[in-house]
Amino acid sequence: MTARIYQRPKNAMQSGKARTQEWVLEFEQSEARRPDPLMGWTGSGDTQAQVILNFPSMEAAQAYAAKYGIPARVHATPPKALKLQAYADNFR
């Protein structure tokens, strides 16, 4: 039952940055998903994959994982590169 800790990314469909400062502890799937023979929906018997915990900092998420003996990997947040461009650059 391993987990991964990462910072929530910005939603690509919106310009806002709400909830991007939160850190998430999410359990990895322990068994493969399979289609249901009747309805065709995919699912598994793994209930830990449904658990998503939010933390205010990476240290808080790591402390929670250490307290309960959960082996966790931290995925670093990639640096944000801004491309500053003036409107006048469109006409050069």
PDB file of N, CA and C in Angstrom:
ATOM      1  N   MET A   1       0.847  -1.172   0.000  1.00  0.00           N
ATOM      2  CA  MET A   1       0.000   0.000   0.000  1.00  0.00           C
ATOM      3  C   MET A   1       0.898   1.243   0.000  1.00  0.00           C
ATOM      4  N   THR A   2       1.414   1.588  -1.148  1.00  0.00           N
ATOM      5  CA  THR A   2       2.248   2.769  -1.259  1.00  0.00           C
ATOM      6  C   THR A   2       1.391   3.969  -1.650  1.00  0.00           C
ATOM      7  N   ALA A   3       1.926   5.137  -1.377  1.00  0.00           N
ATOM      8  CA  ALA A   3       1.203   6.368  -1.691  1.00  0.00           C
ATOM      9  C   ALA A   3       2.141   7.320  -2.414  1.00  0.00           C
ATOM     10  N   ARG A   4       1.551   8.308  -3.049  1.00  0.00           N
ATOM     11  CA  ARG A   4       2.350   9.354  -3.669  1.00  0.00           C
ATOM     12  C   ARG A   4       1.874  10.698  -3.160  1.00  0.00           C
ATOM     13  N   ILE A   5       2.820  11.598  -2.969  1.00  0.00           N
ATOM     14  CA  ILE A   5       2.538  12.938  -2.466  1.00  0.00           C
ATOM     15  C   ILE A   5       2.919  13.913  -3.567  1.00  0.00           C
ATOM     16  N   TYR A   6       1.979  14.770  -3.943  1.00  0.00           N
ATOM     17  CA  TYR A   6       2.242  15.738  -4.995  1.00  0.00           C
ATOM     18  C   TYR A   6       1.439  17.006  -4.736  1.00  0.00           C
ATOM     19  N   GLN A   7       1.842  18.069  -5.398  1.00  0.00           N
ATOM     20  CA  GLN A   7       1.118  19.328  -5.289  1.00  0.00           C
ATOM     21  C   GLN A   7       0.106  19.373  -6.422  1.00  0.00           C
ATOM     22  N   ARG A   8      -1.101  19.764  -6.078  1.00  0.00           N
ATOM     23  CA  ARG A   8      -2.190  19.768  -7.048  1.00  0.00           C
ATOM     24  C   ARG A   8      -1.878  20.739  -8.197  1.00  0.00           C
ATOM     25  N   PRO A   9      -1.979  20.303  -9.454  1.00  0.00           N
ATOM     26  CA  PRO A   9      -1.668  21.195 -10.576  1.00  0.00           C
ATOM     27  C   PRO A   9      -2.812  22.166 -10.859  1.00  0.00           C
ATOM     28  N   LYS A  10      -2.497  23.205 -11.613  1.00  0.00           N
ATOM     29  CA  LYS A  10      -3.496  24.192 -12.006  1.00  0.00           C
ATOM     30  C   LYS A  10      -4.411  23.570 -13.044  1.00  0.00           C
ATOM     31  N   ASN A  11      -5.690  23.881 -12.959  1.00  0.00           N
ATOM     32  CA  ASN A  11      -6.660  23.374 -13.912  1.00  0.00           C
ATOM     33  C   ASN A  11      -6.414  24.029 -15.270  1.00  0.00           C
ATOM     34  N   ALA A  12      -6.240  23.233 -16.310  1.00  0.00           N
ATOM     35  CA  ALA A  12      -5.946  23.764 -17.635  1.00  0.00           C
ATOM     36  C   ALA A  12      -7.161  24.426 -18.284  1.00  0.00           C
ATOM     37  N   MET A  13      -8.356  24.127 -17.793  1.00  0.00           N
ATOM     38  CA  MET A  13      -9.560  24.671 -18.406  1.00  0.00           C
ATOM     39  C   MET A  13      -9.959  26.026 -17.827  1.00  0.00           C
ATOM     40  N   GLN A  14      -9.309  26.466 -16.767  1.00  0.00           N
ATOM     41  CA  GLN A  14      -9.652  27.735 -16.140  1.00  0.00           C
ATOM     42  C   GLN A  14      -8.376  28.513 -15.849  1.00  0.00           C
ATOM     43  N   SER A  15      -8.542  29.824 -15.695  1.00  0.00           N
ATOM     44  CA  SER A  15      -7.373  30.655 -15.447  1.00  0.00           C
ATOM     45  C   SER A  15      -7.055  30.798 -13.966  1.00  0.00           C
ATOM     46  N   GLY A  16      -7.958  30.405 -13.101  1.00  0.00           N
ATOM     47  CA  GLY A  16      -7.745  30.549 -11.671  1.00  0.00           C
ATOM     48  C   GLY A  16      -6.735  29.565 -11.117  1.00  0.00           C
ATOM     49  N   LYS A  17      -6.202  29.882  -9.939  1.00  0.00           N
ATOM     50  CA  LYS A  17      -5.203  29.020  -9.305  1.00  0.00           C
ATOM     51  C   LYS A  17      -5.677  28.525  -7.951  1.00  0.00           C
ATOM     52  N   ALA A  18      -6.978  28.332  -7.800  1.00  0.00           N
ATOM     53  CA  ALA A  18      -7.527  27.868  -6.526  1.00  0.00           C
ATOM     54  C   ALA A  18      -7.060  26.450  -6.239  1.00  0.00           C
ATOM     55  N   ARG A  19      -6.741  26.183  -4.982  1.00  0.00           N
ATOM     56  CA  ARG A  19      -6.346  24.881  -4.470  1.00  0.00           C
ATOM     57  C   ARG A  19      -5.032  24.358  -5.061  1.00  0.00           C
ATOM     58  N   THR A  20      -4.226  25.234  -5.667  1.00  0.00           N
ATOM     59  CA  THR A  20      -2.951  24.781  -6.221  1.00  0.00           C
ATOM     60  C   THR A  20      -1.855  24.747  -5.170  1.00  0.00           C
ATOM     61  N   GLN A  21      -2.086  25.331  -4.005  1.00  0.00           N
ATOM     62  CA  GLN A  21      -1.088  25.314  -2.938  1.00  0.00           C
ATOM     63  C   GLN A  21      -1.225  24.087  -2.040  1.00  0.00           C
ATOM     64  N   GLU A  22      -2.277  23.300  -2.224  1.00  0.00           N
ATOM     65  CA  GLU A  22      -2.495  22.101  -1.413  1.00  0.00           C
ATOM     66  C   GLU A  22      -1.588  20.965  -1.875  1.00  0.00           C
ATOM     67  N   TRP A  23      -1.241  20.126  -0.935  1.00  0.00           N
ATOM     68  CA  TRP A  23      -0.490  18.905  -1.230  1.00  0.00           C
ATOM     69  C   TRP A  23      -1.432  17.727  -1.048  1.00  0.00           C
ATOM     70  N   VAL A  24      -1.329  16.750  -1.902  1.00  0.00           N
ATOM     71  CA  VAL A  24      -2.250  15.617  -1.934  1.00  0.00           C
ATOM     72  C   VAL A  24      -1.498  14.328  -1.651  1.00  0.00           C
ATOM     73  N   LEU A  25      -2.058  13.507  -0.773  1.00  0.00           N
ATOM     74  CA  LEU A  25      -1.559  12.156  -0.540  1.00  0.00           C
ATOM     75  C   LEU A  25      -2.590  11.215  -1.143  1.00  0.00           C
ATOM     76  N   GLU A  26      -2.152  10.450  -2.132  1.00  0.00           N
ATOM     77  CA  GLU A  26      -3.057   9.575  -2.873  1.00  0.00           C
ATOM     78  C   GLU A  26      -2.452   8.179  -2.926  1.00  0.00           C
ATOM     79  N   PHE A  27      -3.240   7.178  -2.618  1.00  0.00           N
ATOM     80  CA  PHE A  27      -2.755   5.800  -2.632  1.00  0.00           C
ATOM     81  C   PHE A  27      -2.737   5.264  -4.062  1.00  0.00           C
ATOM     82  N   GLU A  28      -1.714   4.479  -4.370  1.00  0.00           N
ATOM     83  CA  GLU A  28      -1.618   3.856  -5.681  1.00  0.00           C
ATOM     84  C   GLU A  28      -2.481   2.600  -5.708  1.00  0.00           C
ATOM     85  N   GLN A  29      -2.897   2.221  -6.887  1.00  0.00           N
ATOM     86  CA  GLN A  29      -3.766   1.053  -7.027  1.00  0.00           C
ATOM     87  C   GLN A  29      -2.982  -0.221  -6.755  1.00  0.00           C
ATOM     88  N   SER A  30      -3.592  -1.104  -5.978  1.00  0.00           N
ATOM     89  CA  SER A  30      -2.927  -2.361  -5.660  1.00  0.00           C
ATOM     90  C   SER A  30      -3.384  -3.502  -6.570  1.00  0.00           C
ATOM     91  N   GLU A  31      -4.478  -3.313  -7.267  1.00  0.00           N
ATOM     92  CA  GLU A  31      -4.918  -4.327  -8.223  1.00  0.00           C
ATOM     93  C   GLU A  31      -5.412  -3.646  -9.491  1.00  0.00           C
ATOM     94  N   ALA A  32      -5.371  -4.362 -10.575  1.00  0.00           N
ATOM     95  CA  ALA A  32      -5.727  -3.796 -11.873  1.00  0.00           C
ATOM     96  C   ALA A  32      -7.237  -3.589 -11.995  1.00  0.00           C
ATOM     97  N   ARG A  33      -7.601  -2.592 -12.771  1.00  0.00           N
ATOM     98  CA  ARG A  33      -9.023  -2.366 -13.054  1.00  0.00           C
ATOM     99  C   ARG A  33      -9.465  -3.336 -14.142  1.00  0.00           C
ATOM    100  N   ARG A  34     -10.711  -3.714 -14.086  1.00  0.00           N
ATOM    101  CA  ARG A  34     -11.251  -4.630 -15.084  1.00  0.00           C
ATOM    102  C   ARG A  34     -12.679  -4.205 -15.430  1.00  0.00           C
ATOM    103  N   PRO A  35     -13.120  -4.462 -16.639  1.00  0.00           N
ATOM    104  CA  PRO A  35     -14.476  -4.059 -17.020  1.00  0.00           C
ATOM    105  C   PRO A  35     -15.527  -4.979 -16.403  1.00  0.00           C
ATOM    106  N   ASP A  36     -16.624  -4.390 -16.029  1.00  0.00           N
ATOM    107  CA  ASP A  36     -17.751  -5.159 -15.508  1.00  0.00           C
ATOM    108  C   ASP A  36     -18.425  -5.869 -16.675  1.00  0.00           C
ATOM    109  N   PRO A  37     -18.719  -7.171 -16.557  1.00  0.00           N
ATOM    110  CA  PRO A  37     -19.284  -7.893 -17.697  1.00  0.00           C
ATOM    111  C   PRO A  37     -20.688  -7.424 -18.089  1.00  0.00           C
ATOM    112  N   LEU A  38     -21.455  -6.921 -17.149  1.00  0.00           N
ATOM    113  CA  LEU A  38     -22.826  -6.523 -17.448  1.00  0.00           C
ATOM    114  C   LEU A  38     -22.905  -5.107 -18.007  1.00  0.00           C
ATOM    115  N   MET A  39     -22.334  -4.145 -17.319  1.00  0.00           N
ATOM    116  CA  MET A  39     -22.472  -2.747 -17.718  1.00  0.00           C
ATOM    117  C   MET A  39     -21.291  -2.222 -18.522  1.00  0.00           C
ATOM    118  N   GLY A  40     -20.125  -2.851 -18.397  1.00  0.00           N
ATOM    119  CA  GLY A  40     -18.954  -2.391 -19.118  1.00  0.00           C
ATOM    120  C   GLY A  40     -18.165  -1.314 -18.388  1.00  0.00           C
ATOM    121  N   TRP A  41     -18.585  -0.930 -17.189  1.00  0.00           N
ATOM    122  CA  TRP A  41     -17.852   0.064 -16.412  1.00  0.00           C
ATOM    123  C   TRP A  41     -16.578  -0.559 -15.877  1.00  0.00           C
ATOM    124  N   THR A  42     -15.540   0.245 -15.730  1.00  0.00           N
ATOM    125  CA  THR A  42     -14.295  -0.278 -15.179  1.00  0.00           C
ATOM    126  C   THR A  42     -14.268  -0.045 -13.677  1.00  0.00           C
ATOM    127  N   GLY A  43     -13.714  -0.982 -12.980  1.00  0.00           N
ATOM    128  CA  GLY A  43     -13.630  -0.871 -11.529  1.00  0.00           C
ATOM    129  C   GLY A  43     -12.730  -1.950 -10.968  1.00  0.00           C
ATOM    130  N   SER A  44     -12.518  -1.873  -9.658  1.00  0.00           N
ATOM    131  CA  SER A  44     -11.711  -2.880  -8.979  1.00  0.00           C
ATOM    132  C   SER A  44     -12.184  -2.977  -7.543  1.00  0.00           C
ATOM    133  N   GLY A  45     -11.671  -3.955  -6.837  1.00  0.00           N
ATOM    134  CA  GLY A  45     -12.021  -4.134  -5.444  1.00  0.00           C
ATOM    135  C   GLY A  45     -11.136  -3.350  -4.502  1.00  0.00           C
ATOM    136  N   ASP A  46     -10.239  -2.535  -5.052  1.00  0.00           N
ATOM    137  CA  ASP A  46      -9.305  -1.752  -4.249  1.00  0.00           C
ATOM    138  C   ASP A  46      -9.987  -0.488  -3.745  1.00  0.00           C
ATOM    139  N   THR A  47     -10.259  -0.425  -2.452  1.00  0.00           N
ATOM    140  CA  THR A  47     -10.925   0.751  -1.894  1.00  0.00           C
ATOM    141  C   THR A  47      -9.943   1.840  -1.478  1.00  0.00           C
ATOM    142  N   GLN A  48      -8.662   1.510  -1.312  1.00  0.00           N
ATOM    143  CA  GLN A  48      -7.680   2.517  -0.931  1.00  0.00           C
ATOM    144  C   GLN A  48      -7.436   3.525  -2.051  1.00  0.00           C
ATOM    145  N   ALA A  49      -7.659   3.129  -3.301  1.00  0.00           N
ATOM    146  CA  ALA A  49      -7.441   4.034  -4.425  1.00  0.00           C
ATOM    147  C   ALA A  49      -8.453   5.173  -4.428  1.00  0.00           C
ATOM    148  N   GLN A  50      -9.534   5.047  -3.683  1.00  0.00           N
ATOM    149  CA  GLN A  50     -10.556   6.093  -3.615  1.00  0.00           C
ATOM    150  C   GLN A  50     -10.206   7.165  -2.589  1.00  0.00           C
ATOM    151  N   VAL A  51      -9.229   6.912  -1.739  1.00  0.00           N
ATOM    152  CA  VAL A  51      -8.887   7.826  -0.653  1.00  0.00           C
ATOM    153  C   VAL A  51      -7.891   8.872  -1.150  1.00  0.00           C
ATOM    154  N   ILE A  52      -8.264  10.146  -1.015  1.00  0.00           N
ATOM    155  CA  ILE A  52      -7.396  11.265  -1.376  1.00  0.00           C
ATOM    156  C   ILE A  52      -7.392  12.224  -0.194  1.00  0.00           C
ATOM    157  N   LEU A  53      -6.215  12.460   0.382  1.00  0.00           N
ATOM    158  CA  LEU A  53      -6.087  13.330   1.543  1.00  0.00           C
ATOM    159  C   LEU A  53      -5.369  14.611   1.151  1.00  0.00           C
ATOM    160  N   ASN A  54      -5.895  15.766   1.598  1.00  0.00           N
ATOM    161  CA  ASN A  54      -5.301  17.071   1.312  1.00  0.00           C
ATOM    162  C   ASN A  54      -4.569  17.589   2.541  1.00  0.00           C
ATOM    163  N   PHE A  55      -3.411  18.230   2.314  1.00  0.00           N
ATOM    164  CA  PHE A  55      -2.598  18.776   3.387  1.00  0.00           C
ATOM    165  C   PHE A  55      -2.137  20.176   2.998  1.00  0.00           C
ATOM    166  N   PRO A  56      -1.913  21.044   3.978  1.00  0.00           N
ATOM    167  CA  PRO A  56      -1.466  22.409   3.659  1.00  0.00           C
ATOM    168  C   PRO A  56      -0.004  22.487   3.213  1.00  0.00           C
ATOM    169  N   SER A  57       0.808  21.494   3.564  1.00  0.00           N
ATOM    170  CA  SER A  57       2.220  21.524   3.176  1.00  0.00           C
ATOM    171  C   SER A  57       2.724  20.111   2.908  1.00  0.00           C
ATOM    172  N   MET A  58       3.863  20.037   2.241  1.00  0.00           N
ATOM    173  CA  MET A  58       4.478  18.746   1.944  1.00  0.00           C
ATOM    174  C   MET A  58       4.941  18.064   3.230  1.00  0.00           C
ATOM    175  N   GLU A  59       5.445  18.860   4.165  1.00  0.00           N
ATOM    176  CA  GLU A  59       5.926  18.301   5.424  1.00  0.00           C
ATOM    177  C   GLU A  59       4.791  17.658   6.218  1.00  0.00           C
ATOM    178  N   ALA A  60       3.607  18.262   6.169  1.00  0.00           N
ATOM    179  CA  ALA A  60       2.453  17.698   6.876  1.00  0.00           C
ATOM    180  C   ALA A  60       2.040  16.364   6.258  1.00  0.00           C
ATOM    181  N   ALA A  61       2.086  16.266   4.939  1.00  0.00           N
ATOM    182  CA  ALA A  61       1.749  15.017   4.263  1.00  0.00           C
ATOM    183  C   ALA A  61       2.773  13.934   4.581  1.00  0.00           C
ATOM    184  N   GLN A  62       4.062  14.302   4.595  1.00  0.00           N
ATOM    185  CA  GLN A  62       5.100  13.329   4.928  1.00  0.00           C
ATOM    186  C   GLN A  62       5.001  12.890   6.378  1.00  0.00           C
ATOM    187  N   ALA A  63       4.655  13.809   7.273  1.00  0.00           N
ATOM    188  CA  ALA A  63       4.502  13.454   8.683  1.00  0.00           C
ATOM    189  C   ALA A  63       3.338  12.492   8.882  1.00  0.00           C
ATOM    190  N   TYR A  64       2.246  12.700   8.150  1.00  0.00           N
ATOM    191  CA  TYR A  64       1.091  11.793   8.238  1.00  0.00           C
ATOM    192  C   TYR A  64       1.474  10.396   7.752  1.00  0.00           C
ATOM    193  N   ALA A  65       2.191  10.338   6.624  1.00  0.00           N
ATOM    194  CA  ALA A  65       2.602   9.040   6.082  1.00  0.00           C
ATOM    195  C   ALA A  65       3.565   8.333   7.035  1.00  0.00           C
ATOM    196  N   ALA A  66       4.469   9.076   7.641  1.00  0.00           N
ATOM    197  CA  ALA A  66       5.413   8.473   8.576  1.00  0.00           C
ATOM    198  C   ALA A  66       4.711   8.003   9.844  1.00  0.00           C
ATOM    199  N   LYS A  67       3.735   8.760  10.309  1.00  0.00           N
ATOM    200  CA  LYS A  67       3.015   8.403  11.536  1.00  0.00           C
ATOM    201  C   LYS A  67       2.264   7.089  11.386  1.00  0.00           C
ATOM    202  N   TYR A  68       1.673   6.872  10.230  1.00  0.00           N
ATOM    203  CA  TYR A  68       0.888   5.665  10.011  1.00  0.00           C
ATOM    204  C   TYR A  68       1.633   4.583   9.243  1.00  0.00           C
ATOM    205  N   GLY A  69       2.930   4.757   9.017  1.00  0.00           N
ATOM    206  CA  GLY A  69       3.743   3.726   8.380  1.00  0.00           C
ATOM    207  C   GLY A  69       3.425   3.498   6.920  1.00  0.00           C
ATOM    208  N   ILE A  70       3.061   4.549   6.212  1.00  0.00           N
ATOM    209  CA  ILE A  70       2.717   4.441   4.800  1.00  0.00           C
ATOM    210  C   ILE A  70       3.950   4.810   3.983  1.00  0.00           C
ATOM    211  N   PRO A  71       4.467   3.891   3.165  1.00  0.00           N
ATOM    212  CA  PRO A  71       5.599   4.269   2.306  1.00  0.00           C
ATOM    213  C   PRO A  71       5.109   5.219   1.217  1.00  0.00           C
ATOM    214  N   ALA A  72       5.709   6.404   1.145  1.00  0.00           N
ATOM    215  CA  ALA A  72       5.243   7.426   0.208  1.00  0.00           C
ATOM    216  C   ALA A  72       6.397   7.979  -0.605  1.00  0.00           C
ATOM    217  N   ARG A  73       6.092   8.290  -1.870  1.00  0.00           N
ATOM    218  CA  ARG A  73       7.048   8.940  -2.761  1.00  0.00           C
ATOM    219  C   ARG A  73       6.576  10.367  -2.998  1.00  0.00           C
ATOM    220  N   VAL A  74       7.490  11.299  -2.976  1.00  0.00           N
ATOM    221  CA  VAL A  74       7.155  12.700  -3.218  1.00  0.00           C
ATOM    222  C   VAL A  74       7.496  13.040  -4.657  1.00  0.00           C
ATOM    223  N   HIS A  75       6.509  13.550  -5.385  1.00  0.00           N
ATOM    224  CA  HIS A  75       6.711  14.002  -6.754  1.00  0.00           C
ATOM    225  C   HIS A  75       6.901  15.505  -6.717  1.00  0.00           C
ATOM    226  N   ALA A  76       8.062  15.959  -7.130  1.00  0.00           N
ATOM    227  CA  ALA A  76       8.384  17.385  -7.082  1.00  0.00           C
ATOM    228  C   ALA A  76       7.552  18.164  -8.090  1.00  0.00           C
ATOM    229  N   THR A  77       7.231  19.385  -7.723  1.00  0.00           N
ATOM    230  CA  THR A  77       6.475  20.268  -8.607  1.00  0.00           C
ATOM    231  C   THR A  77       7.431  20.883  -9.621  1.00  0.00           C
ATOM    232  N   PRO A  78       7.096  20.803 -10.917  1.00  0.00           N
ATOM    233  CA  PRO A  78       7.997  21.414 -11.902  1.00  0.00           C
ATOM    234  C   PRO A  78       7.983  22.932 -11.772  1.00  0.00           C
ATOM    235  N   PRO A  79       9.101  23.588 -12.074  1.00  0.00           N
ATOM    236  CA  PRO A  79       9.129  25.051 -11.959  1.00  0.00           C
ATOM    237  C   PRO A  79       8.210  25.694 -12.988  1.00  0.00           C
ATOM    238  N   LYS A  80       7.597  26.799 -12.594  1.00  0.00           N
ATOM    239  CA  LYS A  80       6.675  27.508 -13.479  1.00  0.00           C
ATOM    240  C   LYS A  80       7.466  28.519 -14.295  1.00  0.00           C
ATOM    241  N   ALA A  81       7.406  28.397 -15.597  1.00  0.00           N
ATOM    242  CA  ALA A  81       8.111  29.317 -16.489  1.00  0.00           C
ATOM    243  C   ALA A  81       7.089  30.235 -17.143  1.00  0.00           C
ATOM    244  N   LEU A  82       7.207  31.519 -16.897  1.00  0.00           N
ATOM    245  CA  LEU A  82       6.305  32.494 -17.493  1.00  0.00           C
ATOM    246  C   LEU A  82       6.925  33.058 -18.761  1.00  0.00           C
ATOM    247  N   LYS A  83       6.129  33.158 -19.795  1.00  0.00           N
ATOM    248  CA  LYS A  83       6.590  33.763 -21.033  1.00  0.00           C
ATOM    249  C   LYS A  83       5.959  35.158 -21.090  1.00  0.00           C
ATOM    250  N   LEU A  84       6.734  36.156 -20.678  1.00  0.00           N
ATOM    251  CA  LEU A  84       6.241  37.522 -20.668  1.00  0.00           C
ATOM    252  C   LEU A  84       6.358  38.089 -22.072  1.00  0.00           C
ATOM    253  N   GLN A  85       5.239  38.583 -22.567  1.00  0.00           N
ATOM    254  CA  GLN A  85       5.193  39.063 -23.929  1.00  0.00           C
ATOM    255  C   GLN A  85       4.263  40.267 -23.980  1.00  0.00           C
ATOM    256  N   ALA A  86       4.651  41.277 -24.691  1.00  0.00           N
ATOM    257  CA  ALA A  86       3.824  42.461 -24.859  1.00  0.00           C
ATOM    258  C   ALA A  86       2.895  42.268 -26.058  1.00  0.00           C
ATOM    259  N   TYR A  87       1.779  42.964 -26.034  1.00  0.00           N
ATOM    260  CA  TYR A  87       0.827  42.882 -27.130  1.00  0.00           C
ATOM    261  C   TYR A  87       1.440  43.396 -28.432  1.00  0.00           C
ATOM    262  N   ALA A  88       2.342  44.351 -28.328  1.00  0.00           N
ATOM    263  CA  ALA A  88       2.969  44.927 -29.518  1.00  0.00           C
ATOM    264  C   ALA A  88       3.861  43.910 -30.239  1.00  0.00           C
ATOM    265  N   ASP A  89       4.304  42.854 -29.545  1.00  0.00           N
ATOM    266  CA  ASP A  89       5.138  41.837 -30.166  1.00  0.00           C
ATOM    267  C   ASP A  89       4.394  41.052 -31.236  1.00  0.00           C
ATOM    268  N   ASN A  90       3.075  41.075 -31.230  1.00  0.00           N
ATOM    269  CA  ASN A  90       2.286  40.386 -32.251  1.00  0.00           C
ATOM    270  C   ASN A  90       2.390  41.041 -33.610  1.00  0.00           C
ATOM    271  N   PHE A  91       2.821  42.300 -33.676  1.00  0.00           N
ATOM    272  CA  PHE A  91       2.844  43.052 -34.926  1.00  0.00           C
ATOM    273  C   PHE A  91       4.259  43.306 -35.422  1.00  0.00           C
ATOM    274  N   ARG A  92       5.252  42.648 -34.923  1.00  0.00           N
ATOM    275  CA  ARG A  92       6.642  42.837 -35.370  1.00  0.00           C
ATOM    276  C   ARG A  92       7.004  41.841 -36.428  1.00  0.00           C
TER     277      ARG A  92
END
